[in-house]
Amino acid sequence: MPKAAIKHPRGEATRAAILEEAEAVFAERGFDGTRLEEIAERVGIRRPAISYYFVGKEALYDAVLEALVGGLYERIRVVLERPVSLLERIEAAVTTWVDYVGARPTFARILLREVAAGQGGRIPGIARHIEPFFDLVRRLEAESEGDPLADDSPINAVHFASTIAGSTIFLVAAIPVLVPGSGFSRLDDEELAAHRAETLRVTRRLLGIRPARTQLERKKRPRASESKADDTGP
């Protein structure tokens, strides 16, 4: 068996542990503030051992970004390629986004750090990892021709993405810092469900979909014919 084909489960486990701890440290301290010695200590290995898997801090950071963005991409791709209506696919993608970031808050923190680091003309490292998302959206647009939502919705794709993505990122990454003790350092199931429901309501409003009135609301609001009859009464 060729040497390249041999798998070492223990080595793969160590590599996965390095990526997991590196993700946490990069989210806490940013790229410049991260020391490989701290990551090695958290994993329980010596600093030189990291070099066996990653040639340097830049390579390790890039691997963390690839894992973060790649994990989200695969989940989004699956729901957007389902043979259902455009609305169902969009709502499924929004739900996937909220659940992914809610369960993995390091994603939101690293993303904010990347945006801040990109000021002044520097291209953030995460930029090349999100390119596949643009291809996915372009395919979705092409496949959605003829869908009533695609033809009638007043949606601006950039505004939509910034509103939906921004709300979750801010809740997960900014609120714990701006409002210490708020309890949002990590969303529990109930809080995540509430945010997911609200985000889906915003999604429908942005898409120009008016919520159907409940049966109770229909009973409370008189019909036009009833209102006219009241006005012409004795």
C-alpha atoms as a PDB file:
ATOM      1  CA  MET A   1       0.000   0.000   0.000  1.00  0.00           C
ATOM      2  CA  PRO A   2       1.459   3.400  -0.950  1.00  0.00           C
ATOM      3  CA  LYS A   3       2.537   5.491   1.993  1.00  0.00           C
ATOM      4  CA  ALA A   4       0.197   8.346   1.023  1.00  0.00           C
ATOM      5  CA  ALA A   5      -2.806   6.029   1.344  1.00  0.00           C
ATOM      6  CA  ILE A   6      -2.042   5.019   4.914  1.00  0.00           C
ATOM      7  CA  LYS A   7      -4.304   6.684   7.438  1.00  0.00           C
ATOM      8  CA  HIS A   8      -3.307   7.411  11.011  1.00  0.00           C
ATOM      9  CA  PRO A   9      -6.446   7.839  13.150  1.00  0.00           C
ATOM     10  CA  ARG A  10      -4.438   9.236  16.046  1.00  0.00           C
ATOM     11  CA  GLY A  11      -2.806  11.793  13.769  1.00  0.00           C
ATOM     12  CA  GLU A  12      -6.157  12.834  12.344  1.00  0.00           C
ATOM     13  CA  ALA A  13      -7.545  13.216  15.855  1.00  0.00           C
ATOM     14  CA  THR A  14      -4.602  15.410  16.834  1.00  0.00           C
ATOM     15  CA  ARG A  15      -5.044  17.565  13.727  1.00  0.00           C
ATOM     16  CA  ALA A  16      -8.751  17.960  14.491  1.00  0.00           C
ATOM     17  CA  ALA A  17      -7.949  18.927  18.082  1.00  0.00           C
ATOM     18  CA  ILE A  18      -5.457  21.546  16.895  1.00  0.00           C
ATOM     19  CA  LEU A  19      -8.046  23.052  14.553  1.00  0.00           C
ATOM     20  CA  GLU A  20     -10.690  23.112  17.280  1.00  0.00           C
ATOM     21  CA  GLU A  21      -8.469  24.847  19.826  1.00  0.00           C
ATOM     22  CA  ALA A  22      -7.019  27.188  17.210  1.00  0.00           C
ATOM     23  CA  GLU A  23     -10.525  28.243  16.218  1.00  0.00           C
ATOM     24  CA  ALA A  24     -11.298  29.153  19.819  1.00  0.00           C
ATOM     25  CA  VAL A  25      -8.050  31.082  20.341  1.00  0.00           C
ATOM     26  CA  PHE A  26      -8.266  32.960  17.036  1.00  0.00           C
ATOM     27  CA  ALA A  27     -11.836  33.962  17.931  1.00  0.00           C
ATOM     28  CA  GLU A  28     -10.722  35.186  21.355  1.00  0.00           C
ATOM     29  CA  ARG A  29      -7.482  36.957  20.440  1.00  0.00           C
ATOM     30  CA  GLY A  30      -7.475  37.494  16.704  1.00  0.00           C
ATOM     31  CA  PHE A  31      -4.700  36.431  14.361  1.00  0.00           C
ATOM     32  CA  ASP A  32      -2.026  38.801  15.660  1.00  0.00           C
ATOM     33  CA  GLY A  33      -2.739  38.050  19.310  1.00  0.00           C
ATOM     34  CA  THR A  34      -2.695  34.280  18.922  1.00  0.00           C
ATOM     35  CA  ARG A  35       0.376  32.300  19.954  1.00  0.00           C
ATOM     36  CA  LEU A  36       0.919  28.763  18.747  1.00  0.00           C
ATOM     37  CA  GLU A  37       2.317  27.912  22.177  1.00  0.00           C
ATOM     38  CA  GLU A  38      -1.100  28.556  23.717  1.00  0.00           C
ATOM     39  CA  ILE A  39      -2.849  26.387  21.138  1.00  0.00           C
ATOM     40  CA  ALA A  40      -0.360  23.568  21.738  1.00  0.00           C
ATOM     41  CA  GLU A  41      -0.874  23.843  25.482  1.00  0.00           C
ATOM     42  CA  ARG A  42      -4.656  23.600  25.114  1.00  0.00           C
ATOM     43  CA  VAL A  43      -4.304  20.530  22.906  1.00  0.00           C
ATOM     44  CA  GLY A  44      -1.780  18.952  25.255  1.00  0.00           C
ATOM     45  CA  ILE A  45       1.097  18.768  22.807  1.00  0.00           C
ATOM     46  CA  ARG A  46       4.382  20.600  22.355  1.00  0.00           C
ATOM     47  CA  ARG A  47       4.634  23.659  20.148  1.00  0.00           C
ATOM     48  CA  PRO A  48       6.855  21.997  17.462  1.00  0.00           C
ATOM     49  CA  ALA A  49       4.217  19.278  17.009  1.00  0.00           C
ATOM     50  CA  ILE A  50       1.892  21.795  15.358  1.00  0.00           C
ATOM     51  CA  SER A  51       4.435  22.238  12.568  1.00  0.00           C
ATOM     52  CA  TYR A  52       3.959  18.572  11.658  1.00  0.00           C
ATOM     53  CA  TYR A  53       0.404  19.400  10.570  1.00  0.00           C
ATOM     54  CA  PHE A  54       0.638  23.104   9.634  1.00  0.00           C
ATOM     55  CA  VAL A  55       3.731  24.888   8.325  1.00  0.00           C
ATOM     56  CA  GLY A  56       3.010  28.044  10.326  1.00  0.00           C
ATOM     57  CA  LYS A  57       0.382  30.222  11.954  1.00  0.00           C
ATOM     58  CA  GLU A  58      -0.837  31.531   8.598  1.00  0.00           C
ATOM     59  CA  ALA A  59      -1.458  28.008   7.313  1.00  0.00           C
ATOM     60  CA  LEU A  60      -3.232  27.050  10.529  1.00  0.00           C
ATOM     61  CA  TYR A  61      -5.437  30.138  10.397  1.00  0.00           C
ATOM     62  CA  ASP A  62      -6.309  29.473   6.771  1.00  0.00           C
ATOM     63  CA  ALA A  63      -7.261  25.896   7.676  1.00  0.00           C
ATOM     64  CA  VAL A  64      -9.523  27.218  10.437  1.00  0.00           C
ATOM     65  CA  LEU A  65     -11.238  29.586   7.984  1.00  0.00           C
ATOM     66  CA  GLU A  66     -11.638  26.778   5.473  1.00  0.00           C
ATOM     67  CA  ALA A  67     -13.242  24.524   8.082  1.00  0.00           C
ATOM     68  CA  LEU A  68     -15.574  27.252   9.336  1.00  0.00           C
ATOM     69  CA  VAL A  69     -16.745  28.495   5.959  1.00  0.00           C
ATOM     70  CA  GLY A  70     -16.684  25.052   4.353  1.00  0.00           C
ATOM     71  CA  GLY A  71     -18.892  23.612   7.074  1.00  0.00           C
ATOM     72  CA  LEU A  72     -21.483  26.330   6.488  1.00  0.00           C
ATOM     73  CA  TYR A  73     -21.236  26.088   2.706  1.00  0.00           C
ATOM     74  CA  GLU A  74     -21.989  22.377   2.628  1.00  0.00           C
ATOM     75  CA  ARG A  75     -25.094  22.842   4.771  1.00  0.00           C
ATOM     76  CA  ILE A  76     -26.346  25.794   2.720  1.00  0.00           C
ATOM     77  CA  ARG A  77     -25.632  24.007  -0.562  1.00  0.00           C
ATOM     78  CA  VAL A  78     -27.718  20.997   0.433  1.00  0.00           C
ATOM     79  CA  VAL A  79     -30.841  23.035   1.246  1.00  0.00           C
ATOM     80  CA  LEU A  80     -30.536  25.384  -1.742  1.00  0.00           C
ATOM     81  CA  GLU A  81     -30.285  22.473  -4.158  1.00  0.00           C
ATOM     82  CA  ARG A  82     -33.490  20.823  -2.943  1.00  0.00           C
ATOM     83  CA  PRO A  83     -36.223  20.540  -5.627  1.00  0.00           C
ATOM     84  CA  VAL A  84     -38.695  22.816  -3.811  1.00  0.00           C
ATOM     85  CA  SER A  85     -39.950  26.383  -4.267  1.00  0.00           C
ATOM     86  CA  LEU A  86     -37.624  29.352  -4.057  1.00  0.00           C
ATOM     87  CA  LEU A  87     -39.287  30.531  -0.839  1.00  0.00           C
ATOM     88  CA  GLU A  88     -38.785  27.156   0.823  1.00  0.00           C
ATOM     89  CA  ARG A  89     -35.133  27.088  -0.173  1.00  0.00           C
ATOM     90  CA  ILE A  90     -34.497  30.620   1.066  1.00  0.00           C
ATOM     91  CA  GLU A  91     -36.184  29.925   4.390  1.00  0.00           C
ATOM     92  CA  ALA A  92     -34.245  26.684   4.777  1.00  0.00           C
ATOM     93  CA  ALA A  93     -30.989  28.526   4.057  1.00  0.00           C
ATOM     94  CA  VAL A  94     -31.820  31.211   6.630  1.00  0.00           C
ATOM     95  CA  THR A  95     -32.628  28.549   9.216  1.00  0.00           C
ATOM     96  CA  THR A  96     -29.379  26.749   8.430  1.00  0.00           C
ATOM     97  CA  TRP A  97     -27.410  29.966   8.837  1.00  0.00           C
ATOM     98  CA  VAL A  98     -28.952  30.821  12.206  1.00  0.00           C
ATOM     99  CA  ASP A  99     -28.477  27.311  13.558  1.00  0.00           C
ATOM    100  CA  TYR A 100     -24.869  27.097  12.353  1.00  0.00           C
ATOM    101  CA  VAL A 101     -23.751  30.416  13.816  1.00  0.00           C
ATOM    102  CA  GLY A 102     -25.779  29.903  16.988  1.00  0.00           C
ATOM    103  CA  ALA A 103     -24.076  26.575  17.602  1.00  0.00           C
ATOM    104  CA  ARG A 104     -20.642  27.853  16.551  1.00  0.00           C
ATOM    105  CA  PRO A 105     -20.262  31.437  17.853  1.00  0.00           C
ATOM    106  CA  THR A 106     -16.553  31.425  17.005  1.00  0.00           C
ATOM    107  CA  PHE A 107     -17.638  31.836  13.385  1.00  0.00           C
ATOM    108  CA  ALA A 108     -19.283  35.199  14.112  1.00  0.00           C
ATOM    109  CA  ARG A 109     -16.339  36.451  16.183  1.00  0.00           C
ATOM    110  CA  ILE A 110     -13.730  35.507  13.609  1.00  0.00           C
ATOM    111  CA  LEU A 111     -15.844  36.999  10.822  1.00  0.00           C
ATOM    112  CA  LEU A 112     -16.032  40.347  12.635  1.00  0.00           C
ATOM    113  CA  ARG A 113     -12.275  40.284  13.201  1.00  0.00           C
ATOM    114  CA  GLU A 114     -11.742  39.552   9.518  1.00  0.00           C
ATOM    115  CA  VAL A 115     -13.924  42.484   8.502  1.00  0.00           C
ATOM    116  CA  ALA A 116     -12.059  44.818  10.865  1.00  0.00           C
ATOM    117  CA  ALA A 117      -8.700  43.569   9.599  1.00  0.00           C
ATOM    118  CA  GLY A 118      -9.817  44.214   6.033  1.00  0.00           C
ATOM    119  CA  GLN A 119     -10.043  47.976   6.560  1.00  0.00           C
ATOM    120  CA  GLY A 120      -7.486  50.068   4.680  1.00  0.00           C
ATOM    121  CA  GLY A 121      -7.484  48.010   1.513  1.00  0.00           C
ATOM    122  CA  ARG A 122      -6.246  44.709   2.946  1.00  0.00           C
ATOM    123  CA  ILE A 123      -8.134  41.742   1.531  1.00  0.00           C
ATOM    124  CA  PRO A 124      -9.237  39.571   4.465  1.00  0.00           C
ATOM    125  CA  GLY A 125      -8.224  35.936   4.393  1.00  0.00           C
ATOM    126  CA  ILE A 126     -11.815  34.801   4.529  1.00  0.00           C
ATOM    127  CA  ALA A 127     -12.611  36.467   1.191  1.00  0.00           C
ATOM    128  CA  ARG A 128     -11.391  33.617  -0.979  1.00  0.00           C
ATOM    129  CA  HIS A 129     -13.276  31.077   1.101  1.00  0.00           C
ATOM    130  CA  ILE A 130     -16.660  32.717   0.523  1.00  0.00           C
ATOM    131  CA  GLU A 131     -16.362  32.809  -3.273  1.00  0.00           C
ATOM    132  CA  PRO A 132     -18.227  29.463  -3.650  1.00  0.00           C
ATOM    133  CA  PHE A 133     -21.270  31.111  -2.025  1.00  0.00           C
ATOM    134  CA  PHE A 134     -21.498  33.594  -4.878  1.00  0.00           C
ATOM    135  CA  ASP A 135     -21.487  30.755  -7.390  1.00  0.00           C
ATOM    136  CA  LEU A 136     -24.213  29.039  -5.381  1.00  0.00           C
ATOM    137  CA  VAL A 137     -26.394  32.168  -5.420  1.00  0.00           C
ATOM    138  CA  ARG A 138     -25.872  32.630  -9.154  1.00  0.00           C
ATOM    139  CA  ARG A 139     -26.985  29.050  -9.768  1.00  0.00           C
ATOM    140  CA  LEU A 140     -30.008  29.585  -7.548  1.00  0.00           C
ATOM    141  CA  GLU A 141     -30.987  32.697  -9.506  1.00  0.00           C
ATOM    142  CA  ALA A 142     -30.679  30.841 -12.797  1.00  0.00           C
ATOM    143  CA  GLU A 143     -32.708  27.883 -11.553  1.00  0.00           C
ATOM    144  CA  SER A 144     -35.412  30.159 -10.102  1.00  0.00           C
ATOM    145  CA  GLU A 145     -36.433  31.806 -13.367  1.00  0.00           C
ATOM    146  CA  GLY A 146     -40.190  31.575 -13.631  1.00  0.00           C
ATOM    147  CA  ASP A 147     -40.738  31.226  -9.892  1.00  0.00           C
ATOM    148  CA  PRO A 148     -43.356  33.824  -8.805  1.00  0.00           C
ATOM    149  CA  LEU A 149     -41.167  34.933  -5.920  1.00  0.00           C
ATOM    150  CA  ALA A 150     -38.190  35.573  -8.187  1.00  0.00           C
ATOM    151  CA  ASP A 151     -40.353  37.633 -10.555  1.00  0.00           C
ATOM    152  CA  ASP A 152     -42.393  39.605  -8.015  1.00  0.00           C
ATOM    153  CA  SER A 153     -40.153  40.067  -4.978  1.00  0.00           C
ATOM    154  CA  PRO A 154     -38.669  43.545  -4.448  1.00  0.00           C
ATOM    155  CA  ILE A 155     -35.642  41.997  -2.764  1.00  0.00           C
ATOM    156  CA  ASN A 156     -32.142  43.407  -3.105  1.00  0.00           C
ATOM    157  CA  ALA A 157     -29.774  40.481  -2.595  1.00  0.00           C
ATOM    158  CA  VAL A 158     -27.067  42.538  -0.850  1.00  0.00           C
ATOM    159  CA  HIS A 159     -29.517  44.223   1.517  1.00  0.00           C
ATOM    160  CA  PHE A 160     -31.186  40.922   2.246  1.00  0.00           C
ATOM    161  CA  ALA A 161     -27.916  39.137   3.046  1.00  0.00           C
ATOM    162  CA  SER A 162     -26.601  41.968   5.223  1.00  0.00           C
ATOM    163  CA  THR A 163     -29.849  42.196   7.187  1.00  0.00           C
ATOM    164  CA  ILE A 164     -30.221  38.482   7.824  1.00  0.00           C
ATOM    165  CA  ALA A 165     -26.555  37.668   8.372  1.00  0.00           C
ATOM    166  CA  GLY A 166     -25.882  40.857  10.294  1.00  0.00           C
ATOM    167  CA  SER A 167     -28.602  40.307  12.862  1.00  0.00           C
ATOM    168  CA  THR A 168     -27.305  36.875  13.824  1.00  0.00           C
ATOM    169  CA  ILE A 169     -23.649  37.939  13.871  1.00  0.00           C
ATOM    170  CA  PHE A 170     -24.464  40.946  16.059  1.00  0.00           C
ATOM    171  CA  LEU A 171     -26.535  38.890  18.484  1.00  0.00           C
ATOM    172  CA  VAL A 172     -23.893  36.187  18.804  1.00  0.00           C
ATOM    173  CA  ALA A 173     -20.682  38.241  18.716  1.00  0.00           C
ATOM    174  CA  ALA A 174     -21.514  41.799  19.745  1.00  0.00           C
ATOM    175  CA  ILE A 175     -24.280  41.605  22.373  1.00  0.00           C
ATOM    176  CA  PRO A 176     -22.174  39.556  24.852  1.00  0.00           C
ATOM    177  CA  VAL A 177     -19.514  42.293  24.686  1.00  0.00           C
ATOM    178  CA  LEU A 178     -21.790  45.347  24.667  1.00  0.00           C
ATOM    179  CA  VAL A 179     -24.183  43.979  27.280  1.00  0.00           C
ATOM    180  CA  PRO A 180     -22.148  41.914  29.762  1.00  0.00           C
ATOM    181  CA  GLY A 181     -24.253  39.511  31.773  1.00  0.00           C
ATOM    182  CA  SER A 182     -26.997  39.491  29.168  1.00  0.00           C
ATOM    183  CA  GLY A 183     -26.891  35.699  29.055  1.00  0.00           C
ATOM    184  CA  PHE A 184     -26.231  35.687  25.311  1.00  0.00           C
ATOM    185  CA  SER A 185     -22.616  34.557  25.456  1.00  0.00           C
ATOM    186  CA  ARG A 186     -23.911  31.352  23.933  1.00  0.00           C
ATOM    187  CA  LEU A 187     -27.502  30.993  22.777  1.00  0.00           C
ATOM    188  CA  ASP A 188     -29.468  28.251  24.488  1.00  0.00           C
ATOM    189  CA  ASP A 189     -32.095  26.293  22.563  1.00  0.00           C
ATOM    190  CA  GLU A 190     -34.955  28.589  23.545  1.00  0.00           C
ATOM    191  CA  GLU A 191     -33.117  31.790  22.635  1.00  0.00           C
ATOM    192  CA  LEU A 192     -31.926  30.309  19.368  1.00  0.00           C
ATOM    193  CA  ALA A 193     -35.464  29.216  18.483  1.00  0.00           C
ATOM    194  CA  ALA A 194     -36.776  32.729  19.221  1.00  0.00           C
ATOM    195  CA  HIS A 195     -34.093  34.338  17.050  1.00  0.00           C
ATOM    196  CA  ARG A 196     -34.711  31.824  14.273  1.00  0.00           C
ATOM    197  CA  ALA A 197     -38.450  32.575  14.279  1.00  0.00           C
ATOM    198  CA  GLU A 198     -37.880  36.337  14.245  1.00  0.00           C
ATOM    199  CA  THR A 199     -35.303  36.052  11.457  1.00  0.00           C
ATOM    200  CA  LEU A 200     -37.751  34.062   9.342  1.00  0.00           C
ATOM    201  CA  ARG A 201     -40.429  36.729   9.907  1.00  0.00           C
ATOM    202  CA  VAL A 202     -37.976  39.405   8.760  1.00  0.00           C
ATOM    203  CA  THR A 203     -37.072  37.224   5.768  1.00  0.00           C
ATOM    204  CA  ARG A 204     -40.686  37.076   4.634  1.00  0.00           C
ATOM    205  CA  ARG A 205     -41.135  40.823   5.043  1.00  0.00           C
ATOM    206  CA  LEU A 206     -37.991  41.502   3.009  1.00  0.00           C
ATOM    207  CA  LEU A 207     -39.303  39.185   0.316  1.00  0.00           C
ATOM    208  CA  GLY A 208     -42.543  41.165   0.198  1.00  0.00           C
ATOM    209  CA  ILE A 209     -44.647  38.367   1.642  1.00  0.00           C
ATOM    210  CA  ARG A 210     -47.448  39.649   3.837  1.00  0.00           C
ATOM    211  CA  PRO A 211     -48.268  37.387   6.775  1.00  0.00           C
ATOM    212  CA  ALA A 212     -51.650  35.708   6.594  1.00  0.00           C
ATOM    213  CA  ARG A 213     -54.068  36.904   9.228  1.00  0.00           C
ATOM    214  CA  THR A 214     -54.936  34.394  11.882  1.00  0.00           C
ATOM    215  CA  GLN A 215     -58.493  33.154  12.286  1.00  0.00           C
ATOM    216  CA  LEU A 216     -58.863  35.263  15.444  1.00  0.00           C
ATOM    217  CA  GLU A 217     -57.741  38.402  13.611  1.00  0.00           C
ATOM    218  CA  ARG A 218     -60.230  37.739  10.833  1.00  0.00           C
ATOM    219  CA  LYS A 219     -63.027  37.441  13.383  1.00  0.00           C
ATOM    220  CA  LYS A 220     -62.052  40.682  15.104  1.00  0.00           C
ATOM    221  CA  ARG A 221     -61.783  42.747  11.910  1.00  0.00           C
ATOM    222  CA  PRO A 222     -65.178  43.413  10.293  1.00  0.00           C
ATOM    223  CA  ARG A 223     -65.535  42.862   6.601  1.00  0.00           C
ATOM    224  CA  ALA A 224     -66.078  45.850   4.325  1.00  0.00           C
ATOM    225  CA  SER A 225     -69.719  44.897   3.743  1.00  0.00           C
ATOM    226  CA  GLU A 226     -70.330  44.755   7.499  1.00  0.00           C
ATOM    227  CA  SER A 227     -68.697  48.149   8.045  1.00  0.00           C
ATOM    228  CA  LYS A 228     -70.847  49.688   5.309  1.00  0.00           C
ATOM    229  CA  ALA A 229     -73.978  48.213   6.840  1.00  0.00           C
ATOM    230  CA  ASP A 230     -73.070  49.738  10.200  1.00  0.00           C
ATOM    231  CA  ASP A 231     -72.562  53.169   8.606  1.00  0.00           C
ATOM    232  CA  THR A 232     -75.977  53.141   6.942  1.00  0.00           C
ATOM    233  CA  GLY A 233     -77.887  51.952   9.959  1.00  0.00           C
ATOM    234  CA  PRO A 234     -80.734  53.880  11.582  1.00  0.00           C
END
